[in-house]
């Protein structure tokens, strides 16, 4: 989803969206390049942290929250914990 549009001067300007009128697909893409969700899970019976994209796509599993946060930040994304 393109988050910029050209203004009258031909320059890129932020696109203002009304989230009340987004399609399901557009809503799922909102925050995709910026946000990763961290969720406590059991991986083969061992506590771990699952990393998911903003649309819920599994991205990885880490041994603990510090490793998960480091992995997310290394990819220039913001980690958000969910329970």
PDB file of N, CA and C in Angstrom:
ATOM      1  N   UNK A   1       0.856  -1.160   0.000  1.00  0.00           N
ATOM      2  CA  UNK A   1       0.000   0.000   0.000  1.00  0.00           C
ATOM      3  C   UNK A   1       0.904   1.226   0.000  1.00  0.00           C
ATOM      4  N   UNK A   2       0.735   2.086  -0.976  1.00  0.00           N
ATOM      5  CA  UNK A   2       1.530   3.295  -1.075  1.00  0.00           C
ATOM      6  C   UNK A   2       1.048   4.301  -0.043  1.00  0.00           C
ATOM      7  N   UNK A   3       1.947   4.784   0.779  1.00  0.00           N
ATOM      8  CA  UNK A   3       1.566   5.705   1.840  1.00  0.00           C
ATOM      9  C   UNK A   3       1.952   7.143   1.492  1.00  0.00           C
ATOM     10  N   UNK A   4       2.252   7.437   0.212  1.00  0.00           N
ATOM     11  CA  UNK A   4       2.569   8.779  -0.228  1.00  0.00           C
ATOM     12  C   UNK A   4       1.798   9.076  -1.504  1.00  0.00           C
ATOM     13  N   UNK A   5       1.570  10.343  -1.747  1.00  0.00           N
ATOM     14  CA  UNK A   5       0.964  10.785  -2.988  1.00  0.00           C
ATOM     15  C   UNK A   5       1.661  12.061  -3.407  1.00  0.00           C
ATOM     16  N   UNK A   6       1.571  12.414  -4.673  1.00  0.00           N
ATOM     17  CA  UNK A   6       2.190  13.649  -5.133  1.00  0.00           C
ATOM     18  C   UNK A   6       1.240  14.809  -4.897  1.00  0.00           C
ATOM     19  N   UNK A   7       1.811  15.919  -4.389  1.00  0.00           N
ATOM     20  CA  UNK A   7       0.991  17.107  -4.194  1.00  0.00           C
ATOM     21  C   UNK A   7       0.981  17.934  -5.481  1.00  0.00           C
ATOM     22  N   UNK A   8       0.386  19.122  -5.448  1.00  0.00           N
ATOM     23  CA  UNK A   8       0.260  19.965  -6.641  1.00  0.00           C
ATOM     24  C   UNK A   8       1.608  20.381  -7.220  1.00  0.00           C
ATOM     25  N   UNK A   9       2.658  20.391  -6.408  1.00  0.00           N
ATOM     26  CA  UNK A   9       3.997  20.767  -6.866  1.00  0.00           C
ATOM     27  C   UNK A   9       4.790  19.573  -7.378  1.00  0.00           C
ATOM     28  N   UNK A  10       4.177  18.400  -7.455  1.00  0.00           N
ATOM     29  CA  UNK A  10       4.867  17.207  -7.927  1.00  0.00           C
ATOM     30  C   UNK A  10       5.764  16.560  -6.890  1.00  0.00           C
ATOM     31  N   UNK A  11       5.684  17.021  -5.641  1.00  0.00           N
ATOM     32  CA  UNK A  11       6.500  16.447  -4.565  1.00  0.00           C
ATOM     33  C   UNK A  11       5.690  15.385  -3.828  1.00  0.00           C
ATOM     34  N   UNK A  12       6.410  14.411  -3.254  1.00  0.00           N
ATOM     35  CA  UNK A  12       5.725  13.388  -2.460  1.00  0.00           C
ATOM     36  C   UNK A  12       5.250  13.985  -1.147  1.00  0.00           C
ATOM     37  N   UNK A  13       4.039  13.642  -0.778  1.00  0.00           N
ATOM     38  CA  UNK A  13       3.453  14.098   0.481  1.00  0.00           C
ATOM     39  C   UNK A  13       2.779  12.906   1.129  1.00  0.00           C
ATOM     40  N   UNK A  14       2.725  12.869   2.471  1.00  0.00           N
ATOM     41  CA  UNK A  14       2.060  11.740   3.146  1.00  0.00           C
ATOM     42  C   UNK A  14       0.603  11.620   2.705  1.00  0.00           C
ATOM     43  N   UNK A  15       0.171  10.408   2.533  1.00  0.00           N
ATOM     44  CA  UNK A  15      -1.206  10.130   2.167  1.00  0.00           C
ATOM     45  C   UNK A  15      -2.021  10.005   3.442  1.00  0.00           C
ATOM     46  N   UNK A  16      -3.112  10.738   3.528  1.00  0.00           N
ATOM     47  CA  UNK A  16      -3.980  10.687   4.703  1.00  0.00           C
ATOM     48  C   UNK A  16      -5.089   9.693   4.408  1.00  0.00           C
ATOM     49  N   UNK A  17      -5.195   8.667   5.261  1.00  0.00           N
ATOM     50  CA  UNK A  17      -6.205   7.627   5.084  1.00  0.00           C
ATOM     51  C   UNK A  17      -7.209   7.666   6.218  1.00  0.00           C
ATOM     52  N   UNK A  18      -8.448   7.436   5.885  1.00  0.00           N
ATOM     53  CA  UNK A  18      -9.489   7.279   6.893  1.00  0.00           C
ATOM     54  C   UNK A  18      -9.632   5.779   7.136  1.00  0.00           C
ATOM     55  N   UNK A  19      -9.112   5.281   8.247  1.00  0.00           N
ATOM     56  CA  UNK A  19      -9.088   3.839   8.509  1.00  0.00           C
ATOM     57  C   UNK A  19     -10.483   3.227   8.583  1.00  0.00           C
ATOM     58  N   UNK A  20     -11.506   4.037   8.731  1.00  0.00           N
ATOM     59  CA  UNK A  20     -12.876   3.507   8.759  1.00  0.00           C
ATOM     60  C   UNK A  20     -13.323   3.024   7.390  1.00  0.00           C
ATOM     61  N   UNK A  21     -12.601   3.414   6.336  1.00  0.00           N
ATOM     62  CA  UNK A  21     -13.011   3.060   4.983  1.00  0.00           C
ATOM     63  C   UNK A  21     -11.994   2.173   4.274  1.00  0.00           C
ATOM     64  N   UNK A  22     -11.121   1.501   5.026  1.00  0.00           N
ATOM     65  CA  UNK A  22     -10.144   0.596   4.423  1.00  0.00           C
ATOM     66  C   UNK A  22     -10.785  -0.765   4.163  1.00  0.00           C
ATOM     67  N   UNK A  23     -10.369  -1.389   3.077  1.00  0.00           N
ATOM     68  CA  UNK A  23     -10.809  -2.764   2.833  1.00  0.00           C
ATOM     69  C   UNK A  23     -10.073  -3.677   3.804  1.00  0.00           C
ATOM     70  N   UNK A  24     -10.508  -4.933   3.899  1.00  0.00           N
ATOM     71  CA  UNK A  24      -9.829  -5.893   4.770  1.00  0.00           C
ATOM     72  C   UNK A  24      -8.377  -6.055   4.349  1.00  0.00           C
ATOM     73  N   UNK A  25      -8.140  -6.110   3.052  1.00  0.00           N
ATOM     74  CA  UNK A  25      -6.788  -6.265   2.527  1.00  0.00           C
ATOM     75  C   UNK A  25      -5.922  -5.049   2.866  1.00  0.00           C
ATOM     76  N   UNK A  26      -6.460  -3.852   2.694  1.00  0.00           N
ATOM     77  CA  UNK A  26      -5.709  -2.634   3.021  1.00  0.00           C
ATOM     78  C   UNK A  26      -5.408  -2.576   4.513  1.00  0.00           C
ATOM     79  N   UNK A  27      -6.389  -2.954   5.344  1.00  0.00           N
ATOM     80  CA  UNK A  27      -6.181  -2.933   6.786  1.00  0.00           C
ATOM     81  C   UNK A  27      -5.079  -3.914   7.185  1.00  0.00           C
ATOM     82  N   UNK A  28      -5.051  -5.084   6.555  1.00  0.00           N
ATOM     83  CA  UNK A  28      -4.035  -6.093   6.860  1.00  0.00           C
ATOM     84  C   UNK A  28      -2.641  -5.590   6.505  1.00  0.00           C
ATOM     85  N   UNK A  29      -2.524  -4.755   5.488  1.00  0.00           N
ATOM     86  CA  UNK A  29      -1.231  -4.238   5.059  1.00  0.00           C
ATOM     87  C   UNK A  29      -0.771  -3.032   5.883  1.00  0.00           C
ATOM     88  N   UNK A  30      -1.680  -2.427   6.637  1.00  0.00           N
ATOM     89  CA  UNK A  30      -1.353  -1.251   7.427  1.00  0.00           C
ATOM     90  C   UNK A  30      -0.266  -1.582   8.444  1.00  0.00           C
ATOM     91  N   UNK A  31       0.831  -0.906   8.382  1.00  0.00           N
ATOM     92  CA  UNK A  31       1.934  -1.135   9.308  1.00  0.00           C
ATOM     93  C   UNK A  31       2.876  -2.247   8.912  1.00  0.00           C
ATOM     94  N   UNK A  32       2.636  -2.925   7.785  1.00  0.00           N
ATOM     95  CA  UNK A  32       3.457  -4.077   7.382  1.00  0.00           C
ATOM     96  C   UNK A  32       4.953  -3.802   7.394  1.00  0.00           C
ATOM     97  N   UNK A  33       5.427  -2.727   6.792  1.00  0.00           N
ATOM     98  CA  UNK A  33       6.885  -2.562   6.769  1.00  0.00           C
ATOM     99  C   UNK A  33       7.466  -2.040   8.084  1.00  0.00           C
ATOM    100  N   UNK A  34       6.605  -1.730   9.058  1.00  0.00           N
ATOM    101  CA  UNK A  34       7.075  -1.046  10.254  1.00  0.00           C
ATOM    102  C   UNK A  34       6.879  -1.808  11.556  1.00  0.00           C
ATOM    103  N   UNK A  35       5.929  -2.724  11.621  1.00  0.00           N
ATOM    104  CA  UNK A  35       5.536  -3.341  12.882  1.00  0.00           C
ATOM    105  C   UNK A  35       5.693  -4.854  12.825  1.00  0.00           C
ATOM    106  N   UNK A  36       6.225  -5.423  13.903  1.00  0.00           N
ATOM    107  CA  UNK A  36       6.255  -6.881  14.077  1.00  0.00           C
ATOM    108  C   UNK A  36       5.683  -7.185  15.456  1.00  0.00           C
ATOM    109  N   UNK A  37       4.783  -8.150  15.499  1.00  0.00           N
ATOM    110  CA  UNK A  37       4.151  -8.535  16.753  1.00  0.00           C
ATOM    111  C   UNK A  37       4.894  -9.704  17.387  1.00  0.00           C
ATOM    112  N   UNK A  38       5.088  -9.620  18.701  1.00  0.00           N
ATOM    113  CA  UNK A  38       5.766 -10.669  19.477  1.00  0.00           C
ATOM    114  C   UNK A  38       4.737 -11.326  20.384  1.00  0.00           C
ATOM    115  N   UNK A  39       4.669 -12.657  20.300  1.00  0.00           N
ATOM    116  CA  UNK A  39       3.667 -13.382  21.073  1.00  0.00           C
ATOM    117  C   UNK A  39       4.309 -14.576  21.761  1.00  0.00           C
ATOM    118  N   UNK A  40       4.092 -14.728  23.071  1.00  0.00           N
ATOM    119  CA  UNK A  40       4.603 -15.907  23.762  1.00  0.00           C
ATOM    120  C   UNK A  40       3.916 -17.173  23.240  1.00  0.00           C
ATOM    121  N   UNK A  41       4.709 -18.199  22.952  1.00  0.00           N
ATOM    122  CA  UNK A  41       4.185 -19.476  22.444  1.00  0.00           C
ATOM    123  C   UNK A  41       4.983 -20.622  23.053  1.00  0.00           C
ATOM    124  N   UNK A  42       4.512 -21.833  22.819  1.00  0.00           N
ATOM    125  CA  UNK A  42       5.289 -23.031  23.132  1.00  0.00           C
ATOM    126  C   UNK A  42       5.780 -23.604  21.814  1.00  0.00           C
ATOM    127  N   UNK A  43       7.080 -23.815  21.714  1.00  0.00           N
ATOM    128  CA  UNK A  43       7.695 -24.388  20.518  1.00  0.00           C
ATOM    129  C   UNK A  43       8.267 -25.753  20.915  1.00  0.00           C
ATOM    130  N   UNK A  44       7.605 -26.822  20.500  1.00  0.00           N
ATOM    131  CA  UNK A  44       7.997 -28.181  20.906  1.00  0.00           C
ATOM    132  C   UNK A  44       8.030 -28.315  22.426  1.00  0.00           C
ATOM    133  N   UNK A  45       7.041 -27.694  23.079  1.00  0.00           N
ATOM    134  CA  UNK A  45       6.923 -27.778  24.529  1.00  0.00           C
ATOM    135  C   UNK A  45       7.814 -26.825  25.304  1.00  0.00           C
ATOM    136  N   UNK A  46       8.599 -25.994  24.590  1.00  0.00           N
ATOM    137  CA  UNK A  46       9.518 -25.050  25.231  1.00  0.00           C
ATOM    138  C   UNK A  46       8.994 -23.629  25.021  1.00  0.00           C
ATOM    139  N   UNK A  47       8.958 -22.806  26.089  1.00  0.00           N
ATOM    140  CA  UNK A  47       8.510 -21.422  25.913  1.00  0.00           C
ATOM    141  C   UNK A  47       9.402 -20.684  24.912  1.00  0.00           C
ATOM    142  N   UNK A  48       8.761 -19.912  24.024  1.00  0.00           N
ATOM    143  CA  UNK A  48       9.474 -19.152  23.000  1.00  0.00           C
ATOM    144  C   UNK A  48       8.652 -17.910  22.668  1.00  0.00           C
ATOM    145  N   UNK A  49       9.183 -17.095  21.771  1.00  0.00           N
ATOM    146  CA  UNK A  49       8.497 -15.889  21.318  1.00  0.00           C
ATOM    147  C   UNK A  49       8.319 -15.977  19.806  1.00  0.00           C
ATOM    148  N   UNK A  50       7.061 -15.985  19.356  1.00  0.00           N
ATOM    149  CA  UNK A  50       6.770 -15.987  17.921  1.00  0.00           C
ATOM    150  C   UNK A  50       6.801 -14.551  17.419  1.00  0.00           C
ATOM    151  N   UNK A  51       7.341 -14.354  16.221  1.00  0.00           N
ATOM    152  CA  UNK A  51       7.399 -13.037  15.587  1.00  0.00           C
ATOM    153  C   UNK A  51       6.493 -13.090  14.361  1.00  0.00           C
ATOM    154  N   UNK A  52       5.542 -12.154  14.312  1.00  0.00           N
ATOM    155  CA  UNK A  52       4.582 -12.091  13.206  1.00  0.00           C
ATOM    156  C   UNK A  52       4.594 -10.711  12.585  1.00  0.00           C
ATOM    157  N   UNK A  53       4.362 -10.648  11.265  1.00  0.00           N
ATOM    158  CA  UNK A  53       4.188  -9.378  10.583  1.00  0.00           C
ATOM    159  C   UNK A  53       2.870  -8.747  10.992  1.00  0.00           C
ATOM    160  N   UNK A  54       2.672  -7.495  10.611  1.00  0.00           N
ATOM    161  CA  UNK A  54       1.450  -6.775  10.976  1.00  0.00           C
ATOM    162  C   UNK A  54       0.197  -7.455  10.449  1.00  0.00           C
ATOM    163  N   UNK A  55       0.323  -8.225   9.362  1.00  0.00           N
ATOM    164  CA  UNK A  55      -0.841  -8.921   8.808  1.00  0.00           C
ATOM    165  C   UNK A  55      -1.014 -10.320   9.383  1.00  0.00           C
ATOM    166  N   UNK A  56      -0.167 -10.688  10.346  1.00  0.00           N
ATOM    167  CA  UNK A  56      -0.265 -11.996  10.985  1.00  0.00           C
ATOM    168  C   UNK A  56       0.625 -13.067  10.384  1.00  0.00           C
ATOM    169  N   UNK A  57       1.368 -12.729   9.333  1.00  0.00           N
ATOM    170  CA  UNK A  57       2.262 -13.686   8.695  1.00  0.00           C
ATOM    171  C   UNK A  57       3.384 -14.088   9.651  1.00  0.00           C
ATOM    172  N   UNK A  58       3.584 -15.386   9.917  1.00  0.00           N
ATOM    173  CA  UNK A  58       4.695 -15.807  10.779  1.00  0.00           C
ATOM    174  C   UNK A  58       6.035 -15.430  10.141  1.00  0.00           C
ATOM    175  N   UNK A  59       6.910 -14.839  10.957  1.00  0.00           N
ATOM    176  CA  UNK A  59       8.219 -14.412  10.462  1.00  0.00           C
ATOM    177  C   UNK A  59       9.360 -15.183  11.114  1.00  0.00           C
ATOM    178  N   UNK A  60       9.121 -15.696  12.329  1.00  0.00           N
ATOM    179  CA  UNK A  60      10.177 -16.425  13.002  1.00  0.00           C
ATOM    180  C   UNK A  60       9.820 -16.741  14.435  1.00  0.00           C
ATOM    181  N   UNK A  61      10.718 -17.461  15.098  1.00  0.00           N
ATOM    182  CA  UNK A  61      10.566 -17.809  16.510  1.00  0.00           C
ATOM    183  C   UNK A  61      11.898 -17.554  17.185  1.00  0.00           C
ATOM    184  N   UNK A  62      11.846 -16.914  18.346  1.00  0.00           N
ATOM    185  CA  UNK A  62      13.060 -16.616  19.109  1.00  0.00           C
ATOM    186  C   UNK A  62      13.001 -17.332  20.454  1.00  0.00           C
ATOM    187  N   UNK A  63      14.171 -17.543  21.043  1.00  0.00           N
ATOM    188  CA  UNK A  63      14.244 -18.248  22.321  1.00  0.00           C
ATOM    189  C   UNK A  63      13.729 -17.417  23.492  1.00  0.00           C
ATOM    190  N   UNK A  64      13.848 -16.088  23.395  1.00  0.00           N
ATOM    191  CA  UNK A  64      13.327 -15.212  24.447  1.00  0.00           C
ATOM    192  C   UNK A  64      12.990 -13.849  23.861  1.00  0.00           C
ATOM    193  N   UNK A  65      12.352 -13.019  24.657  1.00  0.00           N
ATOM    194  CA  UNK A  65      11.863 -11.733  24.172  1.00  0.00           C
ATOM    195  C   UNK A  65      13.004 -10.801  23.763  1.00  0.00           C
ATOM    196  N   UNK A  66      14.141 -10.839  24.471  1.00  0.00           N
ATOM    197  CA  UNK A  66      15.261  -9.965  24.108  1.00  0.00           C
ATOM    198  C   UNK A  66      15.815 -10.304  22.726  1.00  0.00           C
ATOM    199  N   UNK A  67      15.905 -11.581  22.425  1.00  0.00           N
ATOM    200  CA  UNK A  67      16.382 -12.015  21.103  1.00  0.00           C
ATOM    201  C   UNK A  67      15.364 -11.608  20.037  1.00  0.00           C
ATOM    202  N   UNK A  68      14.074 -11.753  20.328  1.00  0.00           N
ATOM    203  CA  UNK A  68      13.027 -11.372  19.381  1.00  0.00           C
ATOM    204  C   UNK A  68      13.074  -9.878  19.095  1.00  0.00           C
ATOM    205  N   UNK A  69      13.192  -9.073  20.133  1.00  0.00           N
ATOM    206  CA  UNK A  69      13.266  -7.616  19.963  1.00  0.00           C
ATOM    207  C   UNK A  69      14.479  -7.245  19.131  1.00  0.00           C
ATOM    208  N   UNK A  70      15.632  -7.837  19.424  1.00  0.00           N
ATOM    209  CA  UNK A  70      16.844  -7.543  18.658  1.00  0.00           C
ATOM    210  C   UNK A  70      16.676  -7.904  17.185  1.00  0.00           C
ATOM    211  N   UNK A  71      16.047  -9.042  16.905  1.00  0.00           N
ATOM    212  CA  UNK A  71      15.835  -9.471  15.520  1.00  0.00           C
ATOM    213  C   UNK A  71      14.918  -8.496  14.781  1.00  0.00           C
ATOM    214  N   UNK A  72      13.854  -8.080  15.432  1.00  0.00           N
ATOM    215  CA  UNK A  72      12.909  -7.150  14.813  1.00  0.00           C
ATOM    216  C   UNK A  72      13.576  -5.797  14.558  1.00  0.00           C
ATOM    217  N   UNK A  73      14.285  -5.278  15.555  1.00  0.00           N
ATOM    218  CA  UNK A  73      14.935  -3.980  15.405  1.00  0.00           C
ATOM    219  C   UNK A  73      16.056  -4.019  14.366  1.00  0.00           C
ATOM    220  N   UNK A  74      16.703  -5.167  14.220  1.00  0.00           N
ATOM    221  CA  UNK A  74      17.750  -5.312  13.209  1.00  0.00           C
ATOM    222  C   UNK A  74      17.171  -5.125  11.802  1.00  0.00           C
ATOM    223  N   UNK A  75      15.891  -5.432  11.655  1.00  0.00           N
ATOM    224  CA  UNK A  75      15.225  -5.261  10.368  1.00  0.00           C
ATOM    225  C   UNK A  75      14.464  -3.931  10.293  1.00  0.00           C
ATOM    226  N   UNK A  76      14.844  -2.990  11.180  1.00  0.00           N
ATOM    227  CA  UNK A  76      14.295  -1.628  11.201  1.00  0.00           C
ATOM    228  C   UNK A  76      12.778  -1.599  11.355  1.00  0.00           C
ATOM    229  N   UNK A  77      12.279  -2.521  12.189  1.00  0.00           N
ATOM    230  CA  UNK A  77      10.856  -2.564  12.507  1.00  0.00           C
ATOM    231  C   UNK A  77      10.674  -2.311  13.997  1.00  0.00           C
ATOM    232  N   UNK A  78       9.457  -1.999  14.388  1.00  0.00           N
ATOM    233  CA  UNK A  78       9.139  -1.780  15.796  1.00  0.00           C
ATOM    234  C   UNK A  78       8.458  -3.017  16.371  1.00  0.00           C
ATOM    235  N   UNK A  79       8.985  -3.572  17.462  1.00  0.00           N
ATOM    236  CA  UNK A  79       8.342  -4.724  18.091  1.00  0.00           C
ATOM    237  C   UNK A  79       7.152  -4.292  18.951  1.00  0.00           C
ATOM    238  N   UNK A  80       6.070  -5.058  18.870  1.00  0.00           N
ATOM    239  CA  UNK A  80       4.887  -4.807  19.698  1.00  0.00           C
ATOM    240  C   UNK A  80       4.519  -6.137  20.343  1.00  0.00           C
ATOM    241  N   UNK A  81       4.442  -6.144  21.661  1.00  0.00           N
ATOM    242  CA  UNK A  81       4.096  -7.385  22.369  1.00  0.00           C
ATOM    243  C   UNK A  81       2.588  -7.576  22.409  1.00  0.00           C
ATOM    244  N   UNK A  82       2.166  -8.814  22.167  1.00  0.00           N
ATOM    245  CA  UNK A  82       0.750  -9.181  22.308  1.00  0.00           C
ATOM    246  C   UNK A  82       0.681 -10.362  23.269  1.00  0.00           C
ATOM    247  N   UNK A  83      -0.446 -10.492  23.943  1.00  0.00           N
ATOM    248  CA  UNK A  83      -0.593 -11.575  24.921  1.00  0.00           C
ATOM    249  C   UNK A  83      -1.698 -12.489  24.511  1.00  0.00           C
TER     250      UNK A  83
END
